[in-house]
């Protein structure tokens, strides 16, 4: 039986827009939460909220029937690459960088996916255009961070943390595309469980005992991030990553900055500087060059 053709056209784009808009709500909300909640505790609460909701949905729909061997191994790996590790890195970066800025830097994820495709997705290897796109994209990041960040300081460190998060997401995207691990709903449960477990261990090791002593409004925001900005878009994305080219699925990172900028303006009254907008345009040009079809 031949493999189905990858998604393209409107069936691809409405999924990309939905996933991107839901995921983008996390940036301004997490930026608010970092003012009162440590990053590992935040990632743990986010993972627990997501896994509880997705576990109930998976049990109700019978998503666990016929699971492949090694399901929890997939969940543990993705819980790290697409869960607690990038969540914590981004939470730390949001302390010193704006939500739109962080989202723009994270939009480099498709560049890393394209690079990883050379070694791990032989049928999706991009051409030399990818190298040009990556060079342009990282030049855009330099513009976003500004000359003062390039000389050192918190801006450069925060930008590096977001780049590591983008690389981590790219590893997870390529892994899902290469391994085709099965039911997106069940896999989402496994990933969120792996994310919560990893963040919980890090919380116990590195954060104070009172990290979870938070007011009700903080836990309401954590619930939003865990369910609306994590569990739902993750489930849709895992389905998308198994049905579309890896570089196409990673275009969710390309679309998130616009949504994140709007949400940050509405929630935080945080407007990007002209330099950030210019750098963002350069980054997105690099992404387009790297991931566009010939």
C-alpha atoms as a PDB file:
ATOM      1  CA  UNK A   1       0.000   0.000   0.000  1.00  0.00           C
ATOM      2  CA  UNK A   2       1.525   3.325  -1.082  1.00  0.00           C
ATOM      3  CA  UNK A   3       1.996   6.157   1.394  1.00  0.00           C
ATOM      4  CA  UNK A   4      -0.592   8.951   1.173  1.00  0.00           C
ATOM      5  CA  UNK A   5       0.544  12.203  -0.409  1.00  0.00           C
ATOM      6  CA  UNK A   6       1.543  14.924   2.105  1.00  0.00           C
ATOM      7  CA  UNK A   7      -1.046  17.599   2.888  1.00  0.00           C
ATOM      8  CA  UNK A   8      -0.920  20.747   0.775  1.00  0.00           C
ATOM      9  CA  UNK A   9      -3.076  23.735  -0.140  1.00  0.00           C
ATOM     10  CA  UNK A  10      -6.003  24.810   2.027  1.00  0.00           C
ATOM     11  CA  UNK A  11      -6.209  21.499   3.996  1.00  0.00           C
ATOM     12  CA  UNK A  12      -2.643  22.230   5.125  1.00  0.00           C
ATOM     13  CA  UNK A  13      -3.071  25.954   5.720  1.00  0.00           C
ATOM     14  CA  UNK A  14      -6.184  25.943   7.902  1.00  0.00           C
ATOM     15  CA  UNK A  15      -4.442  23.466  10.193  1.00  0.00           C
ATOM     16  CA  UNK A  16      -1.311  25.620  10.294  1.00  0.00           C
ATOM     17  CA  UNK A  17      -3.331  28.739  11.157  1.00  0.00           C
ATOM     18  CA  UNK A  18      -5.322  26.990  13.890  1.00  0.00           C
ATOM     19  CA  UNK A  19      -2.274  25.442  15.554  1.00  0.00           C
ATOM     20  CA  UNK A  20      -0.252  28.668  15.290  1.00  0.00           C
ATOM     21  CA  UNK A  21      -2.947  30.902  16.780  1.00  0.00           C
ATOM     22  CA  UNK A  22      -3.549  28.589  19.759  1.00  0.00           C
ATOM     23  CA  UNK A  23       0.152  28.104  20.475  1.00  0.00           C
ATOM     24  CA  UNK A  24       0.845  31.832  20.170  1.00  0.00           C
ATOM     25  CA  UNK A  25      -1.415  32.660  23.122  1.00  0.00           C
ATOM     26  CA  UNK A  26       1.191  31.027  25.385  1.00  0.00           C
ATOM     27  CA  UNK A  27       3.843  33.742  24.871  1.00  0.00           C
ATOM     28  CA  UNK A  28       2.126  36.718  26.573  1.00  0.00           C
ATOM     29  CA  UNK A  29       0.472  34.532  29.233  1.00  0.00           C
ATOM     30  CA  UNK A  30       3.758  32.841  30.182  1.00  0.00           C
ATOM     31  CA  UNK A  31       5.452  36.260  30.248  1.00  0.00           C
ATOM     32  CA  UNK A  32       2.878  37.310  32.851  1.00  0.00           C
ATOM     33  CA  UNK A  33       3.300  34.096  34.828  1.00  0.00           C
ATOM     34  CA  UNK A  34       7.101  34.405  35.039  1.00  0.00           C
ATOM     35  CA  UNK A  35       6.615  37.407  37.320  1.00  0.00           C
ATOM     36  CA  UNK A  36       5.392  35.141  40.114  1.00  0.00           C
ATOM     37  CA  UNK A  37       6.094  31.482  39.224  1.00  0.00           C
ATOM     38  CA  UNK A  38       9.513  29.822  38.641  1.00  0.00           C
ATOM     39  CA  UNK A  39      10.005  28.260  35.185  1.00  0.00           C
ATOM     40  CA  UNK A  40      10.214  24.570  36.166  1.00  0.00           C
ATOM     41  CA  UNK A  41       7.145  24.819  38.411  1.00  0.00           C
ATOM     42  CA  UNK A  42       5.303  26.611  35.623  1.00  0.00           C
ATOM     43  CA  UNK A  43       6.254  23.896  33.131  1.00  0.00           C
ATOM     44  CA  UNK A  44       5.150  21.211  35.609  1.00  0.00           C
ATOM     45  CA  UNK A  45       1.760  22.840  36.200  1.00  0.00           C
ATOM     46  CA  UNK A  46       1.314  23.338  32.469  1.00  0.00           C
ATOM     47  CA  UNK A  47       2.086  19.677  31.798  1.00  0.00           C
ATOM     48  CA  UNK A  48      -0.217  18.364  34.539  1.00  0.00           C
ATOM     49  CA  UNK A  49      -3.152  20.482  33.332  1.00  0.00           C
ATOM     50  CA  UNK A  50      -2.596  19.305  29.756  1.00  0.00           C
ATOM     51  CA  UNK A  51      -2.213  15.626  30.575  1.00  0.00           C
ATOM     52  CA  UNK A  52      -5.340  15.501  32.744  1.00  0.00           C
ATOM     53  CA  UNK A  53      -7.499  17.023  30.022  1.00  0.00           C
ATOM     54  CA  UNK A  54      -5.999  14.894  27.258  1.00  0.00           C
ATOM     55  CA  UNK A  55      -6.154  11.723  29.349  1.00  0.00           C
ATOM     56  CA  UNK A  56      -9.900  12.157  29.845  1.00  0.00           C
ATOM     57  CA  UNK A  57     -10.399  12.796  26.134  1.00  0.00           C
ATOM     58  CA  UNK A  58      -8.237   9.808  25.167  1.00  0.00           C
ATOM     59  CA  UNK A  59     -10.150   7.453  27.474  1.00  0.00           C
ATOM     60  CA  UNK A  60     -13.502   8.732  26.204  1.00  0.00           C
ATOM     61  CA  UNK A  61     -12.536   8.247  22.544  1.00  0.00           C
ATOM     62  CA  UNK A  62     -10.689   4.942  22.937  1.00  0.00           C
ATOM     63  CA  UNK A  63      -7.424   6.446  21.693  1.00  0.00           C
ATOM     64  CA  UNK A  64      -5.351   3.942  23.696  1.00  0.00           C
ATOM     65  CA  UNK A  65      -6.695   0.916  21.830  1.00  0.00           C
ATOM     66  CA  UNK A  66      -4.128  -0.792  19.632  1.00  0.00           C
ATOM     67  CA  UNK A  67      -1.159   1.260  20.817  1.00  0.00           C
ATOM     68  CA  UNK A  68       2.171   0.291  19.346  1.00  0.00           C
ATOM     69  CA  UNK A  69       4.983  -1.076  21.457  1.00  0.00           C
ATOM     70  CA  UNK A  70       7.229   1.686  22.716  1.00  0.00           C
ATOM     71  CA  UNK A  71       4.431   4.260  23.033  1.00  0.00           C
ATOM     72  CA  UNK A  72       5.703   5.581  26.376  1.00  0.00           C
ATOM     73  CA  UNK A  73       9.228   5.785  25.023  1.00  0.00           C
ATOM     74  CA  UNK A  74       7.938   8.123  22.304  1.00  0.00           C
ATOM     75  CA  UNK A  75       6.091  10.109  24.950  1.00  0.00           C
ATOM     76  CA  UNK A  76       9.155  10.468  27.152  1.00  0.00           C
ATOM     77  CA  UNK A  77      11.341  11.632  24.265  1.00  0.00           C
ATOM     78  CA  UNK A  78       8.774  14.116  22.926  1.00  0.00           C
ATOM     79  CA  UNK A  79       8.000  15.227  26.465  1.00  0.00           C
ATOM     80  CA  UNK A  80      11.595  16.434  26.573  1.00  0.00           C
ATOM     81  CA  UNK A  81      12.122  17.775  23.041  1.00  0.00           C
ATOM     82  CA  UNK A  82       8.687  19.396  22.704  1.00  0.00           C
ATOM     83  CA  UNK A  83       7.754  19.679  26.378  1.00  0.00           C
ATOM     84  CA  UNK A  84       9.518  20.626  29.584  1.00  0.00           C
ATOM     85  CA  UNK A  85      12.890  21.556  28.050  1.00  0.00           C
ATOM     86  CA  UNK A  86      11.729  24.226  25.544  1.00  0.00           C
ATOM     87  CA  UNK A  87       8.954  25.342  27.926  1.00  0.00           C
ATOM     88  CA  UNK A  88      11.511  26.123  30.631  1.00  0.00           C
ATOM     89  CA  UNK A  89      13.976  27.727  28.221  1.00  0.00           C
ATOM     90  CA  UNK A  90      11.280  30.024  26.834  1.00  0.00           C
ATOM     91  CA  UNK A  91       9.930  30.874  30.296  1.00  0.00           C
ATOM     92  CA  UNK A  92      13.418  32.009  31.347  1.00  0.00           C
ATOM     93  CA  UNK A  93      13.888  33.995  28.116  1.00  0.00           C
ATOM     94  CA  UNK A  94      10.544  35.783  28.584  1.00  0.00           C
ATOM     95  CA  UNK A  95      11.839  37.358  31.780  1.00  0.00           C
ATOM     96  CA  UNK A  96      14.062  39.687  29.738  1.00  0.00           C
ATOM     97  CA  UNK A  97      12.614  39.581  26.200  1.00  0.00           C
ATOM     98  CA  UNK A  98       9.145  40.559  24.979  1.00  0.00           C
ATOM     99  CA  UNK A  99       6.589  37.986  23.884  1.00  0.00           C
ATOM    100  CA  UNK A 100       6.692  39.017  20.216  1.00  0.00           C
ATOM    101  CA  UNK A 101      10.511  39.009  20.215  1.00  0.00           C
ATOM    102  CA  UNK A 102      10.686  35.498  21.667  1.00  0.00           C
ATOM    103  CA  UNK A 103       8.086  34.259  19.193  1.00  0.00           C
ATOM    104  CA  UNK A 104      10.048  35.732  16.274  1.00  0.00           C
ATOM    105  CA  UNK A 105      13.268  34.038  17.375  1.00  0.00           C
ATOM    106  CA  UNK A 106      11.434  30.749  17.876  1.00  0.00           C
ATOM    107  CA  UNK A 107      10.162  31.024  14.299  1.00  0.00           C
ATOM    108  CA  UNK A 108      13.598  29.701  13.285  1.00  0.00           C
ATOM    109  CA  UNK A 109      12.316  26.195  14.076  1.00  0.00           C
ATOM    110  CA  UNK A 110      11.654  25.431  10.365  1.00  0.00           C
ATOM    111  CA  UNK A 111      15.285  26.368   9.603  1.00  0.00           C
ATOM    112  CA  UNK A 112      16.503  23.743  12.051  1.00  0.00           C
ATOM    113  CA  UNK A 113      13.991  21.233  10.676  1.00  0.00           C
ATOM    114  CA  UNK A 114      15.314  21.835   7.166  1.00  0.00           C
ATOM    115  CA  UNK A 115      18.880  21.328   8.391  1.00  0.00           C
ATOM    116  CA  UNK A 116      18.019  18.109  10.248  1.00  0.00           C
ATOM    117  CA  UNK A 117      16.189  16.803   7.185  1.00  0.00           C
ATOM    118  CA  UNK A 118      19.561  16.459   5.424  1.00  0.00           C
ATOM    119  CA  UNK A 119      20.522  13.648   7.756  1.00  0.00           C
ATOM    120  CA  UNK A 120      17.223  12.117   8.892  1.00  0.00           C
ATOM    121  CA  UNK A 121      14.598  12.609   6.154  1.00  0.00           C
ATOM    122  CA  UNK A 122      16.208  11.546   2.870  1.00  0.00           C
ATOM    123  CA  UNK A 123      13.035  12.059   0.821  1.00  0.00           C
ATOM    124  CA  UNK A 124      12.587  15.610   2.139  1.00  0.00           C
ATOM    125  CA  UNK A 125      16.131  16.919   1.841  1.00  0.00           C
ATOM    126  CA  UNK A 126      16.119  20.585   0.806  1.00  0.00           C
ATOM    127  CA  UNK A 127      18.531  22.060  -1.709  1.00  0.00           C
ATOM    128  CA  UNK A 128      21.232  24.701  -1.431  1.00  0.00           C
ATOM    129  CA  UNK A 129      18.517  27.312  -1.040  1.00  0.00           C
ATOM    130  CA  UNK A 130      18.225  26.099   2.573  1.00  0.00           C
ATOM    131  CA  UNK A 131      21.735  27.287   3.412  1.00  0.00           C
ATOM    132  CA  UNK A 132      20.959  30.758   2.074  1.00  0.00           C
ATOM    133  CA  UNK A 133      17.707  30.807   4.013  1.00  0.00           C
ATOM    134  CA  UNK A 134      19.445  29.832   7.256  1.00  0.00           C
ATOM    135  CA  UNK A 135      22.048  32.559   6.820  1.00  0.00           C
ATOM    136  CA  UNK A 136      19.336  35.165   6.204  1.00  0.00           C
ATOM    137  CA  UNK A 137      17.265  33.882   9.130  1.00  0.00           C
ATOM    138  CA  UNK A 138      20.074  34.108  11.645  1.00  0.00           C
ATOM    139  CA  UNK A 139      20.985  37.569  10.349  1.00  0.00           C
ATOM    140  CA  UNK A 140      17.409  38.532  11.172  1.00  0.00           C
ATOM    141  CA  UNK A 141      17.874  37.280  14.741  1.00  0.00           C
ATOM    142  CA  UNK A 142      20.926  39.521  15.083  1.00  0.00           C
ATOM    143  CA  UNK A 143      18.758  42.492  14.017  1.00  0.00           C
ATOM    144  CA  UNK A 144      16.017  41.539  16.517  1.00  0.00           C
ATOM    145  CA  UNK A 145      18.427  41.336  19.452  1.00  0.00           C
ATOM    146  CA  UNK A 146      20.223  44.532  18.450  1.00  0.00           C
ATOM    147  CA  UNK A 147      23.893  45.554  18.654  1.00  0.00           C
ATOM    148  CA  UNK A 148      23.872  45.749  22.467  1.00  0.00           C
ATOM    149  CA  UNK A 149      22.910  42.071  22.721  1.00  0.00           C
ATOM    150  CA  UNK A 150      25.674  41.041  20.328  1.00  0.00           C
ATOM    151  CA  UNK A 151      28.188  42.561  22.761  1.00  0.00           C
ATOM    152  CA  UNK A 152      26.878  40.346  25.548  1.00  0.00           C
ATOM    153  CA  UNK A 153      24.299  40.649  28.294  1.00  0.00           C
ATOM    154  CA  UNK A 154      20.904  39.216  29.147  1.00  0.00           C
ATOM    155  CA  UNK A 155      19.454  39.804  25.676  1.00  0.00           C
ATOM    156  CA  UNK A 156      22.054  37.625  24.005  1.00  0.00           C
ATOM    157  CA  UNK A 157      21.661  34.891  26.625  1.00  0.00           C
ATOM    158  CA  UNK A 158      17.862  34.950  26.333  1.00  0.00           C
ATOM    159  CA  UNK A 159      18.067  34.829  22.550  1.00  0.00           C
ATOM    160  CA  UNK A 160      20.377  31.815  22.777  1.00  0.00           C
ATOM    161  CA  UNK A 161      17.916  30.049  25.070  1.00  0.00           C
ATOM    162  CA  UNK A 162      15.104  30.571  22.548  1.00  0.00           C
ATOM    163  CA  UNK A 163      17.299  29.223  19.752  1.00  0.00           C
ATOM    164  CA  UNK A 164      17.950  26.100  21.836  1.00  0.00           C
ATOM    165  CA  UNK A 165      14.185  25.757  22.322  1.00  0.00           C
ATOM    166  CA  UNK A 166      13.654  26.089  18.559  1.00  0.00           C
ATOM    167  CA  UNK A 167      16.258  23.374  17.922  1.00  0.00           C
ATOM    168  CA  UNK A 168      14.552  21.131  20.479  1.00  0.00           C
ATOM    169  CA  UNK A 169      11.176  21.580  18.767  1.00  0.00           C
ATOM    170  CA  UNK A 170      12.821  20.799  15.426  1.00  0.00           C
ATOM    171  CA  UNK A 171      14.246  17.534  16.758  1.00  0.00           C
ATOM    172  CA  UNK A 172      10.781  16.510  17.940  1.00  0.00           C
ATOM    173  CA  UNK A 173       9.170  17.433  14.612  1.00  0.00           C
ATOM    174  CA  UNK A 174      11.662  15.390  12.598  1.00  0.00           C
ATOM    175  CA  UNK A 175      11.314  12.473  15.026  1.00  0.00           C
ATOM    176  CA  UNK A 176       7.509  12.382  14.612  1.00  0.00           C
ATOM    177  CA  UNK A 177       7.767  12.625  10.832  1.00  0.00           C
ATOM    178  CA  UNK A 178      10.414   9.900  10.652  1.00  0.00           C
ATOM    179  CA  UNK A 179       8.959   7.439  13.166  1.00  0.00           C
ATOM    180  CA  UNK A 180       5.189   7.979  12.621  1.00  0.00           C
ATOM    181  CA  UNK A 181       4.475   7.022  16.257  1.00  0.00           C
ATOM    182  CA  UNK A 182       0.696   6.587  15.934  1.00  0.00           C
ATOM    183  CA  UNK A 183      -2.480   8.091  17.430  1.00  0.00           C
ATOM    184  CA  UNK A 184      -2.022  11.867  17.899  1.00  0.00           C
ATOM    185  CA  UNK A 185      -4.361  11.921  20.923  1.00  0.00           C
ATOM    186  CA  UNK A 186      -2.586   9.070  22.737  1.00  0.00           C
ATOM    187  CA  UNK A 187       0.808  10.485  21.776  1.00  0.00           C
ATOM    188  CA  UNK A 188      -0.227  13.895  23.131  1.00  0.00           C
ATOM    189  CA  UNK A 189      -1.037  12.243  26.475  1.00  0.00           C
ATOM    190  CA  UNK A 190       2.348  10.517  26.501  1.00  0.00           C
ATOM    191  CA  UNK A 191       4.197  13.698  25.619  1.00  0.00           C
ATOM    192  CA  UNK A 192       2.417  15.797  28.238  1.00  0.00           C
ATOM    193  CA  UNK A 193       3.029  13.098  30.867  1.00  0.00           C
ATOM    194  CA  UNK A 194       6.722  13.041  29.941  1.00  0.00           C
ATOM    195  CA  UNK A 195       6.831  16.834  30.070  1.00  0.00           C
ATOM    196  CA  UNK A 196       5.181  17.000  33.500  1.00  0.00           C
ATOM    197  CA  UNK A 197       7.450  14.276  34.894  1.00  0.00           C
ATOM    198  CA  UNK A 198      10.630  15.941  33.645  1.00  0.00           C
ATOM    199  CA  UNK A 199       9.597  19.386  34.885  1.00  0.00           C
ATOM    200  CA  UNK A 200       8.525  17.929  38.228  1.00  0.00           C
ATOM    201  CA  UNK A 201      11.955  16.397  38.799  1.00  0.00           C
ATOM    202  CA  UNK A 202      13.665  19.690  37.879  1.00  0.00           C
ATOM    203  CA  UNK A 203      11.341  21.599  40.235  1.00  0.00           C
ATOM    204  CA  UNK A 204      12.232  19.347  43.178  1.00  0.00           C
ATOM    205  CA  UNK A 205      15.942  19.654  42.429  1.00  0.00           C
ATOM    206  CA  UNK A 206      16.330  23.352  41.650  1.00  0.00           C
ATOM    207  CA  UNK A 207      13.364  25.426  42.853  1.00  0.00           C
ATOM    208  CA  UNK A 208      12.124  26.464  46.318  1.00  0.00           C
ATOM    209  CA  UNK A 209       9.458  24.505  48.183  1.00  0.00           C
ATOM    210  CA  UNK A 210       7.000  27.416  47.904  1.00  0.00           C
ATOM    211  CA  UNK A 211       7.102  27.467  44.085  1.00  0.00           C
ATOM    212  CA  UNK A 212       3.528  26.153  43.899  1.00  0.00           C
ATOM    213  CA  UNK A 213       2.121  28.534  46.529  1.00  0.00           C
ATOM    214  CA  UNK A 214       0.339  30.765  44.015  1.00  0.00           C
ATOM    215  CA  UNK A 215      -2.974  32.684  43.978  1.00  0.00           C
ATOM    216  CA  UNK A 216      -5.997  31.325  42.123  1.00  0.00           C
ATOM    217  CA  UNK A 217      -5.608  33.706  39.170  1.00  0.00           C
ATOM    218  CA  UNK A 218      -2.096  32.390  38.529  1.00  0.00           C
ATOM    219  CA  UNK A 219      -3.385  28.808  38.470  1.00  0.00           C
ATOM    220  CA  UNK A 220      -6.157  29.906  36.100  1.00  0.00           C
ATOM    221  CA  UNK A 221      -3.510  31.233  33.713  1.00  0.00           C
ATOM    222  CA  UNK A 222      -1.516  27.995  34.091  1.00  0.00           C
ATOM    223  CA  UNK A 223      -4.666  26.059  33.185  1.00  0.00           C
ATOM    224  CA  UNK A 224      -5.105  28.185  30.060  1.00  0.00           C
ATOM    225  CA  UNK A 225      -1.507  27.604  28.992  1.00  0.00           C
ATOM    226  CA  UNK A 226      -1.755  23.882  29.708  1.00  0.00           C
ATOM    227  CA  UNK A 227      -5.030  23.235  27.888  1.00  0.00           C
ATOM    228  CA  UNK A 228      -5.675  25.917  25.245  1.00  0.00           C
ATOM    229  CA  UNK A 229      -2.055  26.785  24.434  1.00  0.00           C
ATOM    230  CA  UNK A 230      -0.535  23.293  24.844  1.00  0.00           C
ATOM    231  CA  UNK A 231      -2.810  20.238  24.811  1.00  0.00           C
ATOM    232  CA  UNK A 232      -5.114  21.288  21.959  1.00  0.00           C
ATOM    233  CA  UNK A 233      -2.531  22.664  19.510  1.00  0.00           C
ATOM    234  CA  UNK A 234      -0.118  19.836  20.333  1.00  0.00           C
ATOM    235  CA  UNK A 235      -2.700  17.200  19.428  1.00  0.00           C
ATOM    236  CA  UNK A 236      -3.478  18.950  16.154  1.00  0.00           C
ATOM    237  CA  UNK A 237       0.240  19.381  15.437  1.00  0.00           C
ATOM    238  CA  UNK A 238       1.112  15.723  16.050  1.00  0.00           C
ATOM    239  CA  UNK A 239      -1.555  14.762  13.524  1.00  0.00           C
ATOM    240  CA  UNK A 240      -0.254  17.373  11.097  1.00  0.00           C
ATOM    241  CA  UNK A 241       3.384  16.258  11.508  1.00  0.00           C
ATOM    242  CA  UNK A 242       2.446  12.734  10.402  1.00  0.00           C
ATOM    243  CA  UNK A 243       0.478  13.924   7.363  1.00  0.00           C
ATOM    244  CA  UNK A 244       2.563  16.837   6.037  1.00  0.00           C
ATOM    245  CA  UNK A 245       6.206  17.337   5.111  1.00  0.00           C
ATOM    246  CA  UNK A 246       8.294  18.068   8.212  1.00  0.00           C
ATOM    247  CA  UNK A 247       9.290  21.492   6.883  1.00  0.00           C
ATOM    248  CA  UNK A 248       5.625  22.304   6.130  1.00  0.00           C
ATOM    249  CA  UNK A 249       4.468  21.229   9.604  1.00  0.00           C
ATOM    250  CA  UNK A 250       7.208  23.363  11.157  1.00  0.00           C
ATOM    251  CA  UNK A 251       5.744  26.409   9.401  1.00  0.00           C
ATOM    252  CA  UNK A 252       3.572  26.810  12.518  1.00  0.00           C
ATOM    253  CA  UNK A 253       6.668  28.545  13.907  1.00  0.00           C
ATOM    254  CA  UNK A 254       6.624  30.847  10.867  1.00  0.00           C
ATOM    255  CA  UNK A 255       3.029  31.916  11.565  1.00  0.00           C
ATOM    256  CA  UNK A 256       3.118  32.270  15.358  1.00  0.00           C
ATOM    257  CA  UNK A 257       4.899  35.666  15.600  1.00  0.00           C
ATOM    258  CA  UNK A 258       2.039  37.625  14.039  1.00  0.00           C
ATOM    259  CA  UNK A 259      -0.501  36.092  16.391  1.00  0.00           C
ATOM    260  CA  UNK A 260       1.860  36.494  19.376  1.00  0.00           C
ATOM    261  CA  UNK A 261       2.391  40.197  18.608  1.00  0.00           C
ATOM    262  CA  UNK A 262      -1.374  40.803  18.518  1.00  0.00           C
ATOM    263  CA  UNK A 263      -1.990  38.889  21.750  1.00  0.00           C
ATOM    264  CA  UNK A 264       0.935  40.645  23.488  1.00  0.00           C
ATOM    265  CA  UNK A 265      -0.429  44.037  22.453  1.00  0.00           C
ATOM    266  CA  UNK A 266      -3.914  43.181  23.733  1.00  0.00           C
ATOM    267  CA  UNK A 267      -2.859  41.529  26.989  1.00  0.00           C
ATOM    268  CA  UNK A 268       0.341  43.366  27.923  1.00  0.00           C
ATOM    269  CA  UNK A 269       0.128  46.582  25.882  1.00  0.00           C
ATOM    270  CA  UNK A 270       3.502  45.436  24.569  1.00  0.00           C
ATOM    271  CA  UNK A 271       4.267  46.734  21.088  1.00  0.00           C
ATOM    272  CA  UNK A 272       7.337  45.495  19.183  1.00  0.00           C
ATOM    273  CA  UNK A 273      10.040  48.014  18.377  1.00  0.00           C
ATOM    274  CA  UNK A 274      10.649  48.848  14.692  1.00  0.00           C
ATOM    275  CA  UNK A 275      13.985  47.004  14.918  1.00  0.00           C
ATOM    276  CA  UNK A 276      12.179  43.870  16.097  1.00  0.00           C
ATOM    277  CA  UNK A 277       9.674  44.114  13.243  1.00  0.00           C
ATOM    278  CA  UNK A 278      12.475  44.576  10.702  1.00  0.00           C
ATOM    279  CA  UNK A 279      14.427  41.642  12.106  1.00  0.00           C
ATOM    280  CA  UNK A 280      11.265  39.546  12.151  1.00  0.00           C
ATOM    281  CA  UNK A 281      10.690  40.243   8.470  1.00  0.00           C
ATOM    282  CA  UNK A 282      14.265  39.142   7.733  1.00  0.00           C
ATOM    283  CA  UNK A 283      13.812  35.960   9.794  1.00  0.00           C
ATOM    284  CA  UNK A 284      10.605  35.075   7.990  1.00  0.00           C
ATOM    285  CA  UNK A 285      12.280  35.719   4.637  1.00  0.00           C
ATOM    286  CA  UNK A 286      14.993  33.254   5.649  1.00  0.00           C
ATOM    287  CA  UNK A 287      12.382  30.707   6.694  1.00  0.00           C
ATOM    288  CA  UNK A 288      10.590  31.104   3.370  1.00  0.00           C
ATOM    289  CA  UNK A 289      13.858  30.642   1.455  1.00  0.00           C
ATOM    290  CA  UNK A 290      14.801  27.572   3.490  1.00  0.00           C
ATOM    291  CA  UNK A 291      11.477  25.780   3.407  1.00  0.00           C
ATOM    292  CA  UNK A 292       9.831  26.895   0.171  1.00  0.00           C
ATOM    293  CA  UNK A 293       9.490  24.467  -2.693  1.00  0.00           C
ATOM    294  CA  UNK A 294      11.671  24.971  -5.716  1.00  0.00           C
END
